[in-house]
Protein backbone atom coordinates (compact mmCIF):
# COMPACT_ATOMS: atom_id res chain seq x y z
CA MET A 1 80.00 148.73 93.11
CA PRO A 2 82.70 150.82 91.12
CA LEU A 3 86.25 150.27 91.82
CA ASP A 4 86.68 153.69 93.38
CA ARG A 5 84.02 152.91 95.88
CA PHE A 6 85.68 149.71 96.67
CA VAL A 7 89.09 151.13 97.23
CA LEU A 8 87.63 153.80 99.37
CA LEU A 9 85.91 151.31 101.43
CA LEU A 10 89.00 149.20 102.01
CA ILE A 11 90.87 152.27 103.05
CA VAL A 12 88.26 153.14 105.67
CA VAL A 13 88.13 149.60 106.91
CA ILE A 14 91.83 149.13 107.23
CA ALA A 15 92.17 152.67 108.89
CA ALA A 16 89.36 151.73 111.30
CA ALA A 17 91.03 148.36 112.00
CA GLY A 18 94.22 150.22 112.76
CA ALA A 19 92.54 152.58 115.01
CA THR A 20 90.95 149.72 116.74
CA VAL A 21 94.23 147.85 117.23
CA TRP A 22 96.03 151.12 118.65
CA ILE A 23 93.05 151.84 121.11
CA GLY A 24 92.76 148.15 122.22
CA TRP A 25 96.68 148.13 122.69
CA LEU A 26 96.50 151.42 124.76
CA LEU A 27 93.67 149.84 126.88
CA LEU A 28 95.39 146.50 127.42
CA VAL A 29 98.74 148.11 128.49
CA SER A 30 97.01 150.72 130.71
CA PHE A 31 95.43 147.77 132.54
CA GLY A 32 98.55 145.73 132.56
CA VAL A 33 97.07 142.75 130.70
CA SER A 34 99.74 141.79 128.22
CA GLY A 35 98.15 138.20 127.65
CA TRP A 36 95.31 139.55 125.66
CA VAL A 37 97.50 141.09 123.08
CA GLY A 38 96.48 138.51 120.26
CA LEU A 39 92.67 139.52 120.82
CA ALA A 40 93.72 143.06 119.95
CA PHE A 41 94.88 141.97 116.49
CA ALA A 42 92.19 139.06 115.97
CA VAL A 43 89.12 141.69 116.18
CA PRO A 44 90.21 144.01 113.38
CA THR A 45 91.51 141.10 111.26
CA ALA A 46 88.19 139.29 111.63
CA LEU A 47 86.37 142.63 110.72
CA VAL A 48 88.42 143.01 107.47
CA ALA A 49 87.94 139.31 106.67
CA TYR A 50 84.12 139.85 107.04
CA VAL A 51 84.06 142.82 104.83
CA ALA A 52 86.07 141.20 102.17
CA LEU A 53 83.89 137.90 102.22
CA ARG A 54 80.96 140.02 101.95
CA ILE A 55 82.18 141.93 99.05
CA ILE A 56 83.15 138.78 97.28
CA ARG A 57 79.81 137.01 97.87
CA ASP A 58 78.12 140.11 96.50
CA ARG A 59 80.08 140.22 93.56
CA LEU A 60 79.71 136.44 92.67
CA GLY A 61 75.92 136.50 93.42
CA ASN A 62 75.00 139.63 91.42
CA PRO A 63 73.68 138.89 88.00
CA GLU A 64 74.70 142.28 86.80
CA GLU A 65 78.31 141.51 87.25
CA ASP A 66 78.26 138.73 84.76
CA HIS A 67 78.98 141.25 81.77
CA TYR A 68 81.47 138.83 79.99
CA ASP A 69 79.42 135.64 80.37
CA GLY A 70 77.35 136.04 77.25
CA ILE A 71 80.66 136.88 75.21
CA GLU A 72 81.69 133.96 72.91
CA LYS A 73 85.42 133.35 71.87
C-alpha cells in the first residue's frame, strides 16, 4: 500500500471516529445517560486500533514488502 493511500485511510478513519464520538455523545446527552461516556470513546478507539493492527499485520506478512531483506551490508 503506498504511503499516500495509507495517510488518506488514516485521515478517513480518524474523521469517522470523531464523527462517531460526536454522534454518540449527542445521543447519550439527549437520553440523559452520562455514565456511558466511556463507551462513546471506546468504540472509535477500538476501531482505530483494529485498522492499525490490520495494516501492520498486512505489512509484516506481505513478502512484496521485503525489498531490503536481500541487500547485504
